[in-house]
PDB file of all heavy atoms in Angstrom:
ATOM      1  N   CYS A   1     -42.181  42.059  60.092  1.00  0.00           N
ATOM      2  CA  CYS A   1     -43.039  42.693  61.082  1.00  0.00           C
ATOM      3  C   CYS A   1     -42.329  42.575  62.413  1.00  0.00           C
ATOM      4  O   CYS A   1     -41.206  42.081  62.501  1.00  0.00           O
ATOM      5  CB  CYS A   1     -44.415  42.080  61.114  1.00  0.00           C
ATOM      6  SG  CYS A   1     -44.457  40.355  61.626  1.00  0.00           S
ATOM      7  N   HIS A   2     -42.985  43.024  63.477  1.00  0.00           N
ATOM      8  CA  HIS A   2     -42.349  42.966  64.794  1.00  0.00           C
ATOM      9  C   HIS A   2     -41.971  41.564  65.183  1.00  0.00           C
ATOM     10  O   HIS A   2     -40.980  41.349  65.898  1.00  0.00           O
ATOM     11  CB  HIS A   2     -43.295  43.543  65.865  1.00  0.00           C
ATOM     12  CG  HIS A   2     -44.480  42.669  66.109  1.00  0.00           C
ATOM     13  ND1 HIS A   2     -45.653  42.709  65.356  1.00  0.00           N
ATOM     14  CD2 HIS A   2     -44.705  41.711  67.060  1.00  0.00           C
ATOM     15  CE1 HIS A   2     -46.511  41.828  65.820  1.00  0.00           C
ATOM     16  NE2 HIS A   2     -45.980  41.200  66.835  1.00  0.00           N
ATOM     17  N   ASP A   3     -42.711  40.577  64.713  1.00  0.00           N
ATOM     18  CA  ASP A   3     -42.517  39.182  65.075  1.00  0.00           C
ATOM     19  C   ASP A   3     -41.671  38.508  63.988  1.00  0.00           C
ATOM     20  O   ASP A   3     -42.152  38.169  62.930  1.00  0.00           O
ATOM     21  CB  ASP A   3     -43.887  38.513  65.218  1.00  0.00           C
ATOM     22  CG  ASP A   3     -43.786  37.088  65.762  1.00  0.00           C
ATOM     23  OD1 ASP A   3     -42.654  36.677  66.096  1.00  0.00           O
ATOM     24  OD2 ASP A   3     -44.794  36.418  65.867  1.00  0.00           O
ATOM     25  N   GLY A   4     -40.356  38.319  64.270  1.00  0.00           N
ATOM     26  CA  GLY A   4     -39.492  37.667  63.300  1.00  0.00           C
ATOM     27  C   GLY A   4     -38.236  38.522  63.119  1.00  0.00           C
ATOM     28  O   GLY A   4     -37.956  39.460  63.846  1.00  0.00           O
ATOM     29  N   PHE A   5     -37.459  38.147  62.111  1.00  0.00           N
ATOM     30  CA  PHE A   5     -36.253  38.902  61.777  1.00  0.00           C
ATOM     31  C   PHE A   5     -36.590  40.293  61.271  1.00  0.00           C
ATOM     32  O   PHE A   5     -37.600  40.504  60.615  1.00  0.00           O
ATOM     33  CB  PHE A   5     -35.494  38.155  60.663  1.00  0.00           C
ATOM     34  CG  PHE A   5     -34.615  37.045  61.110  1.00  0.00           C
ATOM     35  CD1 PHE A   5     -34.456  35.912  60.293  1.00  0.00           C
ATOM     36  CD2 PHE A   5     -33.943  37.089  62.310  1.00  0.00           C
ATOM     37  CE1 PHE A   5     -33.642  34.864  60.692  1.00  0.00           C
ATOM     38  CE2 PHE A   5     -33.122  36.038  62.720  1.00  0.00           C
ATOM     39  CZ  PHE A   5     -32.964  34.919  61.906  1.00  0.00           C
ATOM     40  N   THR A   6     -35.745  41.269  61.598  1.00  0.00           N
ATOM     41  CA  THR A   6     -35.777  42.533  60.909  1.00  0.00           C
ATOM     42  C   THR A   6     -35.292  42.291  59.475  1.00  0.00           C
ATOM     43  O   THR A   6     -34.744  41.236  59.162  1.00  0.00           O
ATOM     44  CB  THR A   6     -34.880  43.572  61.587  1.00  0.00           C
ATOM     45  OG1 THR A   6     -33.525  43.166  61.427  1.00  0.00           O
ATOM     46  CG2 THR A   6     -35.241  43.724  63.058  1.00  0.00           C
ATOM     47  N   LEU A   7     -35.498  43.285  58.612  1.00  0.00           N
ATOM     48  CA  LEU A   7     -35.044  43.144  57.231  1.00  0.00           C
ATOM     49  C   LEU A   7     -33.520  42.968  57.158  1.00  0.00           C
ATOM     50  O   LEU A   7     -33.011  42.143  56.388  1.00  0.00           O
ATOM     51  CB  LEU A   7     -35.476  44.346  56.401  1.00  0.00           C
ATOM     52  CG  LEU A   7     -35.256  44.240  54.881  1.00  0.00           C
ATOM     53  CD1 LEU A   7     -35.981  43.049  54.288  1.00  0.00           C
ATOM     54  CD2 LEU A   7     -35.727  45.546  54.207  1.00  0.00           C
ATOM     55  N   GLN A   8     -32.802  43.708  57.974  1.00  0.00           N
ATOM     56  CA  GLN A   8     -31.341  43.591  58.020  1.00  0.00           C
ATOM     57  C   GLN A   8     -30.937  42.186  58.441  1.00  0.00           C
ATOM     58  O   GLN A   8     -30.018  41.577  57.890  1.00  0.00           O
ATOM     59  CB  GLN A   8     -30.744  44.619  58.958  1.00  0.00           C
ATOM     60  CG  GLN A   8     -29.239  44.534  59.119  1.00  0.00           C
ATOM     61  CD  GLN A   8     -28.469  44.908  57.855  1.00  0.00           C
ATOM     62  OE1 GLN A   8     -28.695  45.947  57.266  1.00  0.00           O
ATOM     63  NE2 GLN A   8     -27.556  44.047  57.439  1.00  0.00           N
ATOM     64  N   ASP A   9     -31.610  41.663  59.434  1.00  0.00           N
ATOM     65  CA  ASP A   9     -31.259  40.343  59.952  1.00  0.00           C
ATOM     66  C   ASP A   9     -31.665  39.242  58.988  1.00  0.00           C
ATOM     67  O   ASP A   9     -31.042  38.168  58.941  1.00  0.00           O
ATOM     68  CB  ASP A   9     -31.898  40.103  61.313  1.00  0.00           C
ATOM     69  CG  ASP A   9     -31.241  40.918  62.410  1.00  0.00           C
ATOM     70  OD1 ASP A   9     -30.232  41.589  62.128  1.00  0.00           O
ATOM     71  OD2 ASP A   9     -31.743  40.910  63.560  1.00  0.00           O
ATOM     72  N   LEU A  10     -32.716  39.493  58.215  1.00  0.00           N
ATOM     73  CA  LEU A  10     -33.172  38.499  57.220  1.00  0.00           C
ATOM     74  C   LEU A  10     -32.096  38.211  56.204  1.00  0.00           C
ATOM     75  O   LEU A  10     -32.044  37.099  55.670  1.00  0.00           O
ATOM     76  CB  LEU A  10     -34.454  39.045  56.535  1.00  0.00           C
ATOM     77  CG  LEU A  10     -35.210  38.059  55.681  1.00  0.00           C
ATOM     78  CD1 LEU A  10     -35.825  36.929  56.475  1.00  0.00           C
ATOM     79  CD2 LEU A  10     -36.273  38.784  54.847  1.00  0.00           C
ATOM     80  N   VAL A  11     -31.239  39.179  55.942  1.00  0.00           N
ATOM     81  CA  VAL A  11     -30.180  38.972  54.952  1.00  0.00           C
ATOM     82  C   VAL A  11     -28.826  38.807  55.602  1.00  0.00           C
ATOM     83  O   VAL A  11     -27.815  38.758  54.935  1.00  0.00           O
ATOM     84  CB  VAL A  11     -30.114  40.165  53.965  1.00  0.00           C
ATOM     85  CG1 VAL A  11     -31.447  40.336  53.249  1.00  0.00           C
ATOM     86  CG2 VAL A  11     -29.682  41.478  54.645  1.00  0.00           C
ATOM     87  N   SER A  12     -28.798  38.658  56.951  1.00  0.00           N
ATOM     88  CA  SER A  12     -27.534  38.578  57.692  1.00  0.00           C
ATOM     89  C   SER A  12     -27.418  37.306  58.516  1.00  0.00           C
ATOM     90  O   SER A  12     -26.317  36.991  59.013  1.00  0.00           O
ATOM     91  CB  SER A  12     -27.368  39.781  58.596  1.00  0.00           C
ATOM     92  OG  SER A  12     -27.446  40.976  57.882  1.00  0.00           O
ATOM     93  N   TYR A  13     -28.513  36.561  58.704  1.00  0.00           N
ATOM     94  CA  TYR A  13     -28.496  35.400  59.565  1.00  0.00           C
ATOM     95  C   TYR A  13     -29.204  34.234  58.881  1.00  0.00           C
ATOM     96  O   TYR A  13     -30.290  34.376  58.322  1.00  0.00           O
ATOM     97  CB  TYR A  13     -29.189  35.692  60.908  1.00  0.00           C
ATOM     98  CG  TYR A  13     -28.420  36.691  61.763  1.00  0.00           C
ATOM     99  CD1 TYR A  13     -28.673  38.055  61.631  1.00  0.00           C
ATOM    100  CD2 TYR A  13     -27.433  36.293  62.637  1.00  0.00           C
ATOM    101  CE1 TYR A  13     -27.978  38.977  62.398  1.00  0.00           C
ATOM    102  CE2 TYR A  13     -26.706  37.209  63.407  1.00  0.00           C
ATOM    103  CZ  TYR A  13     -26.991  38.548  63.267  1.00  0.00           C
ATOM    104  OH  TYR A  13     -26.287  39.470  63.999  1.00  0.00           O
ATOM    105  N   GLN A  14     -28.548  33.072  58.968  1.00  0.00           N
ATOM    106  CA  GLN A  14     -29.115  31.869  58.426  1.00  0.00           C
ATOM    107  C   GLN A  14     -30.072  31.192  59.418  1.00  0.00           C
ATOM    108  O   GLN A  14     -30.972  30.472  59.032  1.00  0.00           O
ATOM    109  CB  GLN A  14     -27.999  30.868  58.039  1.00  0.00           C
ATOM    110  CG  GLN A  14     -28.361  29.883  56.968  1.00  0.00           C
ATOM    111  CD  GLN A  14     -28.367  30.505  55.589  1.00  0.00           C
ATOM    112  OE1 GLN A  14     -27.654  31.475  55.331  1.00  0.00           O
ATOM    113  NE2 GLN A  14     -29.132  29.947  54.659  1.00  0.00           N
ATOM    114  N   ARG A  15     -29.875  31.475  60.682  1.00  0.00           N
ATOM    115  CA  ARG A  15     -30.663  30.875  61.743  1.00  0.00           C
ATOM    116  C   ARG A  15     -30.895  31.888  62.851  1.00  0.00           C
ATOM    117  O   ARG A  15     -30.198  32.867  62.959  1.00  0.00           O
ATOM    118  CB  ARG A  15     -29.963  29.623  62.291  1.00  0.00           C
ATOM    119  CG  ARG A  15     -28.614  29.897  62.888  1.00  0.00           C
ATOM    120  CD  ARG A  15     -27.857  28.634  63.290  1.00  0.00           C
ATOM    121  NE  ARG A  15     -26.582  28.909  63.958  1.00  0.00           N
ATOM    122  CZ  ARG A  15     -25.461  29.227  63.377  1.00  0.00           C
ATOM    123  NH1 ARG A  15     -25.438  29.296  62.056  1.00  0.00           N
ATOM    124  NH2 ARG A  15     -24.367  29.468  64.071  1.00  0.00           N
ATOM    125  N   LYS A  16     -31.867  31.617  63.677  1.00  0.00           N
ATOM    126  CA  LYS A  16     -32.230  32.536  64.778  1.00  0.00           C
ATOM    127  C   LYS A  16     -31.171  32.465  65.886  1.00  0.00           C
ATOM    128  O   LYS A  16     -30.518  31.430  66.067  1.00  0.00           O
ATOM    129  CB  LYS A  16     -33.595  32.176  65.333  1.00  0.00           C
ATOM    130  CG  LYS A  16     -33.653  30.806  65.995  1.00  0.00           C
ATOM    131  CD  LYS A  16     -35.039  30.425  66.424  1.00  0.00           C
ATOM    132  CE  LYS A  16     -35.014  29.060  67.168  1.00  0.00           C
ATOM    133  NZ  LYS A  16     -36.352  28.616  67.560  1.00  0.00           N
ATOM    134  N   HIS A  17     -31.079  33.547  66.642  1.00  0.00           N
ATOM    135  CA  HIS A  17     -30.148  33.618  67.762  1.00  0.00           C
ATOM    136  C   HIS A  17     -30.917  34.262  68.941  1.00  0.00           C
ATOM    137  O   HIS A  17     -30.758  35.456  69.244  1.00  0.00           O
ATOM    138  CB  HIS A  17     -28.904  34.425  67.396  1.00  0.00           C
ATOM    139  CG  HIS A  17     -28.089  33.810  66.328  1.00  0.00           C
ATOM    140  ND1 HIS A  17     -27.003  32.969  66.597  1.00  0.00           N
ATOM    141  CD2 HIS A  17     -28.197  33.873  64.958  1.00  0.00           C
ATOM    142  CE1 HIS A  17     -26.487  32.562  65.464  1.00  0.00           C
ATOM    143  NE2 HIS A  17     -27.168  33.100  64.458  1.00  0.00           N
ATOM    144  N   ASN A  18     -31.739  33.462  69.609  1.00  0.00           N
ATOM    145  CA  ASN A  18     -32.625  33.966  70.647  1.00  0.00           C
ATOM    146  C   ASN A  18     -32.162  33.636  72.030  1.00  0.00           C
ATOM    147  O   ASN A  18     -32.977  33.625  72.986  1.00  0.00           O
ATOM    148  CB  ASN A  18     -34.049  33.419  70.441  1.00  0.00           C
ATOM    149  CG  ASN A  18     -34.643  33.840  69.113  1.00  0.00           C
ATOM    150  OD1 ASN A  18     -34.054  34.611  68.343  1.00  0.00           O
ATOM    151  ND2 ASN A  18     -35.855  33.371  68.818  1.00  0.00           N
ATOM    152  N   GLU A  19     -30.899  33.336  72.206  1.00  0.00           N
ATOM    153  CA  GLU A  19     -30.433  32.910  73.524  1.00  0.00           C
ATOM    154  C   GLU A  19     -30.734  33.937  74.628  1.00  0.00           C
ATOM    155  O   GLU A  19     -30.979  33.529  75.802  1.00  0.00           O
ATOM    156  CB  GLU A  19     -28.901  32.665  73.471  1.00  0.00           C
ATOM    157  CG  GLU A  19     -28.494  31.448  72.622  1.00  0.00           C
ATOM    158  CD  GLU A  19     -28.460  31.727  71.142  1.00  0.00           C
ATOM    159  OE1 GLU A  19     -28.666  32.910  70.730  1.00  0.00           O
ATOM    160  OE2 GLU A  19     -28.230  30.782  70.376  1.00  0.00           O
ATOM    161  N   ALA A  20     -30.736  35.210  74.317  1.00  0.00           N
ATOM    162  CA  ALA A  20     -30.991  36.230  75.339  1.00  0.00           C
ATOM    163  C   ALA A  20     -32.380  36.156  75.939  1.00  0.00           C
ATOM    164  O   ALA A  20     -32.659  36.732  76.986  1.00  0.00           O
ATOM    165  CB  ALA A  20     -30.765  37.612  74.746  1.00  0.00           C
ATOM    166  N   ASN A  21     -33.292  35.403  75.299  1.00  0.00           N
ATOM    167  CA  ASN A  21     -34.657  35.249  75.818  1.00  0.00           C
ATOM    168  C   ASN A  21     -34.768  34.234  76.936  1.00  0.00           C
ATOM    169  O   ASN A  21     -35.870  34.014  77.486  1.00  0.00           O
ATOM    170  CB  ASN A  21     -35.614  34.867  74.688  1.00  0.00           C
ATOM    171  CG  ASN A  21     -35.672  35.941  73.607  1.00  0.00           C
ATOM    172  OD1 ASN A  21     -35.176  37.029  73.764  1.00  0.00           O
ATOM    173  ND2 ASN A  21     -36.334  35.617  72.508  1.00  0.00           N
ATOM    174  N   ASN A  22     -33.654  33.537  77.241  1.00  0.00           N
ATOM    175  CA  ASN A  22     -33.655  32.537  78.336  1.00  0.00           C
ATOM    176  C   ASN A  22     -34.572  31.378  78.067  1.00  0.00           C
ATOM    177  O   ASN A  22     -35.153  30.823  79.012  1.00  0.00           O
ATOM    178  CB  ASN A  22     -34.014  33.199  79.682  1.00  0.00           C
ATOM    179  CG  ASN A  22     -32.937  34.194  80.128  1.00  0.00           C
ATOM    180  OD1 ASN A  22     -31.806  34.144  79.668  1.00  0.00           O
ATOM    181  ND2 ASN A  22     -33.317  35.116  81.024  1.00  0.00           N
ATOM    182  N   GLU A  23     -34.763  31.009  76.800  1.00  0.00           N
ATOM    183  CA  GLU A  23     -35.610  29.862  76.467  1.00  0.00           C
ATOM    184  C   GLU A  23     -34.794  28.820  75.662  1.00  0.00           C
ATOM    185  O   GLU A  23     -35.389  28.066  74.891  1.00  0.00           O
ATOM    186  CB  GLU A  23     -36.852  30.291  75.746  1.00  0.00           C
ATOM    187  CG  GLU A  23     -37.752  31.225  76.555  1.00  0.00           C
ATOM    188  CD  GLU A  23     -39.022  31.643  75.813  1.00  0.00           C
ATOM    189  OE1 GLU A  23     -39.650  30.713  75.207  1.00  0.00           O
ATOM    190  OE2 GLU A  23     -39.387  32.785  75.836  1.00  0.00           O
ATOM    191  N   ARG A  24     -33.473  28.822  75.867  1.00  0.00           N
ATOM    192  CA  ARG A  24     -32.590  27.864  75.227  1.00  0.00           C
ATOM    193  C   ARG A  24     -32.689  27.898  73.692  1.00  0.00           C
ATOM    194  O   ARG A  24     -32.559  26.890  73.022  1.00  0.00           O
ATOM    195  CB  ARG A  24     -32.818  26.447  75.772  1.00  0.00           C
ATOM    196  CG  ARG A  24     -32.599  26.322  77.277  1.00  0.00           C
ATOM    197  CD  ARG A  24     -32.746  24.888  77.755  1.00  0.00           C
ATOM    198  NE  ARG A  24     -34.038  24.341  77.428  1.00  0.00           N
ATOM    199  CZ  ARG A  24     -35.147  24.565  78.149  1.00  0.00           C
ATOM    200  NH1 ARG A  24     -35.111  25.321  79.241  1.00  0.00           N
ATOM    201  NH2 ARG A  24     -36.291  24.010  77.781  1.00  0.00           N
TER     202      ARG A  24
END
């Protein structure tokens, strides 16, 4: 859904990469 990985990212990333959100 809007909140979380997209389907493409669900199969492409082992961990989140949210650095652009400025919340470390």
